[in-house]
């Protein structure tokens, strides 16, 4: 006889142990009455699905209220900005402040803004 024949008669219980352990856990949980655990897991899964959608809708609402597109007061270039921030004009590089839906120049105190007017001159010809 083959001395290794005893090994052939052994059962492989490693797969059965998993199923028995799982069955034991289910029986213990059902006897304790942990229905609230199942309900809690559904609530958590629901929140994980709803939170990104609600966050996206809130972000879009905030962006529609605060996204401003206006012209630069220096060069007239139209550019976007977020209300309550400071930006630079992409065309002329002028620092701008965005307030109440408009762009305003950031000027140091004491700066006087003037607009130059081109005055054409006439030559008076002598006769």
N, C-alpha and C. Protein backbone atom coordinates (compact mmCIF):
# COMPACT_ATOMS: atom_id res chain seq x y z
N UNK A 1 0.82 -1.18 0.00
CA UNK A 1 0.00 0.00 0.00
C UNK A 1 0.87 1.25 0.00
N UNK A 2 0.28 2.26 -0.49
CA UNK A 2 0.94 3.55 -0.57
C UNK A 2 0.78 4.27 0.76
N UNK A 3 1.87 4.73 1.38
CA UNK A 3 1.76 5.42 2.66
C UNK A 3 1.08 6.78 2.52
N UNK A 4 1.00 7.33 1.35
CA UNK A 4 0.38 8.63 1.14
C UNK A 4 -1.13 8.51 0.89
N UNK A 5 -1.67 7.34 1.03
CA UNK A 5 -3.10 7.15 0.76
C UNK A 5 -3.98 7.85 1.80
N UNK A 6 -3.45 8.05 3.01
CA UNK A 6 -4.21 8.74 4.04
C UNK A 6 -4.50 10.20 3.63
N UNK A 7 -3.57 10.81 2.92
CA UNK A 7 -3.76 12.20 2.44
C UNK A 7 -4.87 12.27 1.41
N UNK A 8 -5.07 11.24 0.70
CA UNK A 8 -6.13 11.23 -0.29
C UNK A 8 -7.50 11.18 0.37
N UNK A 9 -7.57 10.66 1.58
CA UNK A 9 -8.84 10.55 2.26
C UNK A 9 -9.23 11.83 3.00
N UNK A 10 -8.29 12.76 3.19
CA UNK A 10 -8.59 14.00 3.88
C UNK A 10 -9.46 14.89 2.99
N UNK A 11 -10.34 15.64 3.65
CA UNK A 11 -11.19 16.57 2.92
C UNK A 11 -10.52 17.94 2.92
N UNK A 12 -10.72 18.62 1.86
CA UNK A 12 -10.21 19.99 1.78
C UNK A 12 -11.27 20.92 2.38
N UNK A 13 -11.05 21.33 3.64
CA UNK A 13 -12.03 22.12 4.36
C UNK A 13 -11.80 23.63 4.23
N UNK A 14 -10.80 24.07 3.48
CA UNK A 14 -10.52 25.50 3.40
C UNK A 14 -11.66 26.26 2.73
N UNK A 15 -12.28 25.72 1.72
CA UNK A 15 -13.41 26.38 1.06
C UNK A 15 -14.66 26.33 1.91
N UNK A 16 -14.84 25.27 2.65
CA UNK A 16 -16.04 25.13 3.49
C UNK A 16 -15.94 26.03 4.70
N UNK A 17 -14.74 26.30 5.21
CA UNK A 17 -14.57 27.18 6.37
C UNK A 17 -15.09 28.58 6.08
N UNK A 18 -14.83 29.08 4.89
CA UNK A 18 -15.30 30.41 4.52
C UNK A 18 -16.82 30.47 4.57
N UNK A 19 -17.47 29.51 3.95
CA UNK A 19 -18.94 29.51 3.91
C UNK A 19 -19.54 29.30 5.30
N UNK A 20 -18.90 28.47 6.11
CA UNK A 20 -19.40 28.27 7.47
C UNK A 20 -19.23 29.55 8.31
N UNK A 21 -18.12 30.22 8.13
CA UNK A 21 -17.90 31.48 8.85
C UNK A 21 -18.91 32.54 8.41
N UNK A 22 -19.16 32.63 7.13
CA UNK A 22 -20.14 33.58 6.62
C UNK A 22 -21.54 33.28 7.15
N UNK A 23 -21.91 32.01 7.16
CA UNK A 23 -23.21 31.61 7.68
C UNK A 23 -23.32 31.92 9.16
N UNK A 24 -22.26 31.70 9.91
CA UNK A 24 -22.26 32.00 11.34
C UNK A 24 -22.42 33.50 11.59
N UNK A 25 -21.74 34.32 10.81
CA UNK A 25 -21.84 35.78 10.96
C UNK A 25 -23.27 36.24 10.64
N UNK A 26 -23.85 35.70 9.59
CA UNK A 26 -25.23 36.08 9.23
C UNK A 26 -26.20 35.67 10.33
N UNK A 27 -26.03 34.48 10.89
CA UNK A 27 -26.92 34.03 11.96
C UNK A 27 -26.79 34.90 13.20
N UNK A 28 -25.58 35.27 13.55
CA UNK A 28 -25.37 36.12 14.73
C UNK A 28 -25.98 37.50 14.51
N UNK A 29 -25.74 38.10 13.34
CA UNK A 29 -26.30 39.42 13.06
C UNK A 29 -27.82 39.39 13.00
N UNK A 30 -28.39 38.34 12.45
CA UNK A 30 -29.86 38.27 12.39
C UNK A 30 -30.47 38.02 13.77
N UNK A 31 -29.77 37.31 14.63
CA UNK A 31 -30.31 37.08 15.97
C UNK A 31 -30.23 38.34 16.83
N UNK A 32 -29.24 39.20 16.58
CA UNK A 32 -29.12 40.45 17.33
C UNK A 32 -30.15 41.46 16.84
N UNK A 33 -30.54 41.39 15.60
CA UNK A 33 -31.51 42.32 15.04
C UNK A 33 -30.87 43.60 14.57
N UNK A 34 -29.96 43.49 13.64
CA UNK A 34 -29.24 44.66 13.14
C UNK A 34 -29.82 45.15 11.82
N UNK A 35 -31.12 45.30 11.75
CA UNK A 35 -31.74 45.85 10.56
C UNK A 35 -31.34 47.30 10.34
N UNK A 36 -31.06 47.99 11.43
CA UNK A 36 -30.63 49.39 11.33
C UNK A 36 -29.31 49.50 10.58
N UNK A 37 -28.48 48.46 10.66
CA UNK A 37 -27.20 48.48 9.95
C UNK A 37 -27.41 48.46 8.44
N UNK A 38 -28.37 47.66 8.02
CA UNK A 38 -28.69 47.59 6.59
C UNK A 38 -29.27 48.93 6.13
N UNK A 39 -30.16 49.50 6.92
CA UNK A 39 -30.74 50.79 6.57
C UNK A 39 -29.67 51.88 6.52
N UNK A 40 -28.76 51.84 7.47
CA UNK A 40 -27.68 52.82 7.49
C UNK A 40 -26.80 52.69 6.26
N UNK A 41 -26.53 51.47 5.83
CA UNK A 41 -25.69 51.29 4.64
C UNK A 41 -26.39 51.85 3.40
N UNK A 42 -27.72 51.69 3.31
CA UNK A 42 -28.44 52.28 2.18
C UNK A 42 -28.42 53.81 2.24
N UNK A 43 -28.51 54.37 3.42
CA UNK A 43 -28.46 55.82 3.57
C UNK A 43 -27.09 56.35 3.16
N UNK A 44 -26.03 55.68 3.58
CA UNK A 44 -24.67 56.11 3.24
C UNK A 44 -24.46 56.03 1.73
N UNK A 45 -24.91 54.95 1.11
CA UNK A 45 -24.76 54.81 -0.34
C UNK A 45 -25.55 55.90 -1.05
N UNK A 46 -26.77 56.18 -0.56
CA UNK A 46 -27.57 57.25 -1.15
C UNK A 46 -26.90 58.60 -1.04
N UNK A 47 -26.34 58.89 0.13
CA UNK A 47 -25.64 60.16 0.31
C UNK A 47 -24.41 60.27 -0.58
N UNK A 48 -23.71 59.16 -0.76
CA UNK A 48 -22.53 59.17 -1.63
C UNK A 48 -22.92 59.43 -3.08
N UNK A 49 -24.12 59.04 -3.47
CA UNK A 49 -24.57 59.29 -4.84
C UNK A 49 -25.14 60.69 -5.01
N UNK A 50 -25.83 61.21 -3.99
CA UNK A 50 -26.51 62.49 -4.11
C UNK A 50 -25.57 63.68 -3.86
N UNK A 51 -24.59 63.54 -2.99
CA UNK A 51 -23.73 64.66 -2.61
C UNK A 51 -22.98 65.28 -3.80
N UNK A 52 -22.36 64.51 -4.69
CA UNK A 52 -21.68 65.17 -5.82
C UNK A 52 -22.64 65.91 -6.74
N UNK A 53 -23.82 65.38 -6.93
CA UNK A 53 -24.79 66.04 -7.80
C UNK A 53 -25.25 67.36 -7.18
N UNK A 54 -25.57 67.33 -5.89
CA UNK A 54 -25.98 68.56 -5.19
C UNK A 54 -24.84 69.56 -5.16
N UNK A 55 -23.61 69.11 -4.95
CA UNK A 55 -22.45 70.00 -4.94
C UNK A 55 -22.25 70.66 -6.29
N UNK A 56 -22.44 69.93 -7.36
CA UNK A 56 -22.29 70.49 -8.70
C UNK A 56 -23.36 71.55 -8.96
N UNK A 57 -24.59 71.28 -8.54
CA UNK A 57 -25.67 72.27 -8.74
C UNK A 57 -25.41 73.54 -7.93
N UNK A 58 -24.94 73.39 -6.69
CA UNK A 58 -24.62 74.57 -5.86
C UNK A 58 -23.46 75.35 -6.47
N UNK A 59 -22.44 74.67 -6.97
CA UNK A 59 -21.31 75.35 -7.60
C UNK A 59 -21.74 76.12 -8.84
N UNK A 60 -22.59 75.53 -9.66
CA UNK A 60 -23.09 76.21 -10.86
C UNK A 60 -23.89 77.46 -10.49
N UNK A 61 -24.73 77.34 -9.44
CA UNK A 61 -25.51 78.49 -8.99
C UNK A 61 -24.58 79.60 -8.52
N UNK A 62 -23.55 79.27 -7.73
CA UNK A 62 -22.61 80.27 -7.23
C UNK A 62 -21.85 80.91 -8.38
N UNK A 63 -21.44 80.09 -9.36
CA UNK A 63 -20.67 80.61 -10.49
C UNK A 63 -21.51 81.55 -11.34
N UNK A 64 -22.80 81.26 -11.54
CA UNK A 64 -23.66 82.14 -12.31
C UNK A 64 -23.84 83.48 -11.62
N UNK A 65 -23.83 83.51 -10.31
CA UNK A 65 -23.99 84.76 -9.57
C UNK A 65 -22.70 85.57 -9.52
N UNK A 66 -21.53 84.93 -9.58
CA UNK A 66 -20.26 85.62 -9.36
C UNK A 66 -19.37 85.74 -10.58
N UNK A 67 -19.69 85.09 -11.69
CA UNK A 67 -18.86 85.16 -12.89
C UNK A 67 -19.23 86.43 -13.65
N UNK A 68 -18.26 87.32 -13.85
CA UNK A 68 -18.48 88.62 -14.48
C UNK A 68 -17.67 88.68 -15.77
N UNK A 69 -18.29 89.17 -16.82
CA UNK A 69 -17.58 89.46 -18.06
C UNK A 69 -17.81 90.93 -18.35
N UNK A 70 -16.72 91.70 -18.36
CA UNK A 70 -16.81 93.15 -18.55
C UNK A 70 -15.61 93.63 -19.34
N UNK A 71 -15.65 94.89 -19.74
CA UNK A 71 -14.53 95.47 -20.48
C UNK A 71 -13.56 96.16 -19.54
N UNK A 72 -12.31 96.07 -19.89
CA UNK A 72 -11.26 96.74 -19.12
C UNK A 72 -11.46 98.25 -19.25
N UNK A 73 -11.42 99.00 -18.14
CA UNK A 73 -11.61 100.45 -18.24
C UNK A 73 -10.44 101.17 -18.92
N UNK A 74 -9.30 100.50 -19.09
CA UNK A 74 -8.14 101.15 -19.70
C UNK A 74 -8.12 100.91 -21.20
N UNK A 75 -8.19 99.63 -21.62
CA UNK A 75 -8.04 99.33 -23.04
C UNK A 75 -9.33 98.86 -23.71
N UNK A 76 -10.37 98.55 -22.94
CA UNK A 76 -11.64 98.13 -23.52
C UNK A 76 -11.70 96.65 -23.88
N UNK A 77 -10.70 95.89 -23.52
CA UNK A 77 -10.68 94.46 -23.82
C UNK A 77 -11.66 93.74 -22.90
N UNK A 78 -12.52 92.89 -23.47
CA UNK A 78 -13.51 92.17 -22.68
C UNK A 78 -12.89 90.89 -22.12
N UNK A 79 -12.98 90.73 -20.80
CA UNK A 79 -12.41 89.55 -20.15
C UNK A 79 -13.28 89.17 -18.95
N UNK A 80 -13.14 87.90 -18.50
CA UNK A 80 -13.95 87.44 -17.37
C UNK A 80 -13.22 87.64 -16.04
N UNK A 81 -14.00 87.59 -14.97
CA UNK A 81 -13.45 87.67 -13.62
C UNK A 81 -14.50 87.21 -12.63
N UNK A 82 -14.07 86.95 -11.41
CA UNK A 82 -14.98 86.52 -10.35
C UNK A 82 -15.20 87.70 -9.41
N UNK A 83 -16.46 87.95 -9.10
CA UNK A 83 -16.85 89.09 -8.27
C UNK A 83 -16.11 89.07 -6.93
N UNK A 84 -15.57 90.23 -6.53
CA UNK A 84 -14.88 90.35 -5.25
C UNK A 84 -13.41 89.97 -5.30
N UNK A 85 -12.82 89.84 -6.48
CA UNK A 85 -11.41 89.46 -6.59
C UNK A 85 -10.64 90.53 -7.36
N UNK A 86 -9.34 90.34 -7.45
CA UNK A 86 -8.49 91.21 -8.24
C UNK A 86 -7.92 90.40 -9.39
N UNK A 87 -7.92 90.97 -10.57
CA UNK A 87 -7.40 90.31 -11.78
C UNK A 87 -6.54 91.30 -12.54
N UNK A 88 -5.81 90.78 -13.51
CA UNK A 88 -5.06 91.63 -14.43
C UNK A 88 -5.68 91.49 -15.81
N UNK A 89 -5.75 92.59 -16.50
CA UNK A 89 -6.27 92.56 -17.86
C UNK A 89 -5.30 91.74 -18.72
N UNK A 90 -5.79 90.76 -19.46
CA UNK A 90 -4.88 89.95 -20.28
C UNK A 90 -4.30 90.73 -21.46
N UNK A 91 -4.91 91.85 -21.82
CA UNK A 91 -4.44 92.61 -22.96
C UNK A 91 -3.38 93.64 -22.57
N UNK A 92 -3.69 94.49 -21.58
CA UNK A 92 -2.77 95.57 -21.22
C UNK A 92 -2.04 95.33 -19.90
N UNK A 93 -2.47 94.35 -19.10
CA UNK A 93 -1.79 94.03 -17.86
C UNK A 93 -2.16 94.93 -16.69
N UNK A 94 -3.17 95.75 -16.85
CA UNK A 94 -3.61 96.66 -15.79
C UNK A 94 -4.27 95.87 -14.66
N UNK A 95 -3.87 96.11 -13.39
CA UNK A 95 -4.55 95.43 -12.28
C UNK A 95 -5.96 96.00 -12.10
N UNK A 96 -6.92 95.09 -11.99
CA UNK A 96 -8.32 95.49 -11.89
C UNK A 96 -8.97 94.86 -10.68
N UNK A 97 -9.96 95.54 -10.14
CA UNK A 97 -10.75 95.02 -9.03
C UNK A 97 -12.16 94.75 -9.58
N UNK A 98 -12.72 93.59 -9.25
CA UNK A 98 -14.05 93.23 -9.72
C UNK A 98 -15.02 93.43 -8.56
N UNK A 99 -15.93 94.39 -8.72
CA UNK A 99 -16.93 94.66 -7.69
C UNK A 99 -18.26 94.99 -8.35
N UNK A 100 -19.32 94.42 -7.82
CA UNK A 100 -20.69 94.71 -8.25
C UNK A 100 -20.86 94.56 -9.75
N UNK A 101 -20.22 93.57 -10.33
CA UNK A 101 -20.40 93.28 -11.75
C UNK A 101 -19.63 94.17 -12.69
N UNK A 102 -18.67 94.93 -12.20
CA UNK A 102 -17.88 95.84 -13.03
C UNK A 102 -16.40 95.70 -12.71
N UNK A 103 -15.54 96.09 -13.66
CA UNK A 103 -14.11 96.17 -13.45
C UNK A 103 -13.76 97.62 -13.08
N UNK A 104 -12.92 97.76 -12.05
CA UNK A 104 -12.43 99.07 -11.64
C UNK A 104 -10.92 99.00 -11.55
N UNK A 105 -10.26 100.11 -11.90
CA UNK A 105 -8.79 100.16 -11.82
C UNK A 105 -8.35 100.17 -10.38
N UNK A 106 -7.26 99.49 -10.11
CA UNK A 106 -6.61 99.58 -8.80
C UNK A 106 -5.55 100.66 -8.92
N UNK A 107 -5.85 101.81 -8.38
CA UNK A 107 -4.90 102.92 -8.46
C UNK A 107 -4.43 103.29 -7.07
N UNK A 108 -3.16 103.68 -6.93
CA UNK A 108 -2.69 104.12 -5.62
C UNK A 108 -3.36 105.43 -5.22
N UNK A 109 -3.43 105.70 -3.91
CA UNK A 109 -4.06 106.96 -3.47
C UNK A 109 -3.34 108.17 -4.07
N UNK A 110 -4.13 109.14 -4.46
CA UNK A 110 -3.57 110.36 -5.03
C UNK A 110 -3.46 110.34 -6.53
N UNK A 111 -3.79 109.24 -7.17
CA UNK A 111 -3.72 109.15 -8.63
C UNK A 111 -4.96 109.80 -9.22
N UNK A 112 -4.74 110.65 -10.21
CA UNK A 112 -5.85 111.32 -10.87
C UNK A 112 -5.99 110.72 -12.26
N UNK A 113 -7.18 110.20 -12.55
CA UNK A 113 -7.45 109.66 -13.88
C UNK A 113 -7.93 110.79 -14.78
N UNK A 114 -7.30 110.90 -15.92
CA UNK A 114 -7.72 111.90 -16.89
C UNK A 114 -7.90 111.21 -18.23
N UNK A 115 -8.74 111.78 -19.05
CA UNK A 115 -8.90 111.29 -20.41
C UNK A 115 -8.35 112.35 -21.34
N UNK A 116 -7.48 111.95 -22.21
CA UNK A 116 -6.88 112.88 -23.15
C UNK A 116 -7.80 113.02 -24.36
N UNK A 117 -7.95 114.22 -24.82
CA UNK A 117 -8.76 114.51 -25.99
C UNK A 117 -7.82 115.05 -27.06
N UNK A 118 -7.91 114.48 -28.23
CA UNK A 118 -7.07 114.91 -29.34
C UNK A 118 -7.68 116.16 -29.97
N UNK A 119 -6.94 117.19 -29.91
CA UNK A 119 -7.41 118.47 -30.49
C UNK A 119 -6.61 118.71 -31.76
N UNK A 120 -7.31 118.74 -32.86
CA UNK A 120 -6.60 118.98 -34.11
C UNK A 120 -6.37 120.49 -34.26
N UNK A 121 -5.25 120.84 -34.76
CA UNK A 121 -4.90 122.24 -34.87
C UNK A 121 -5.03 122.69 -36.33
N UNK A 122 -5.42 123.91 -36.49
CA UNK A 122 -5.51 124.49 -37.83
C UNK A 122 -4.34 125.44 -38.01
N UNK A 123 -3.79 125.42 -39.16
CA UNK A 123 -2.72 126.36 -39.45
C UNK A 123 -3.33 127.61 -40.07
N UNK A 124 -2.90 128.67 -39.55
CA UNK A 124 -3.39 129.94 -40.10
C UNK A 124 -2.36 130.37 -41.14
N UNK A 125 -2.83 130.47 -42.33
CA UNK A 125 -1.89 130.85 -43.41
C UNK A 125 -1.89 132.37 -43.59
N UNK A 126 -0.74 132.87 -43.77
CA UNK A 126 -0.59 134.31 -43.99
C UNK A 126 -0.86 134.62 -45.46
N UNK A 127 -1.52 135.73 -45.72
CA UNK A 127 -1.81 136.12 -47.09
C UNK A 127 -0.90 137.16 -47.57
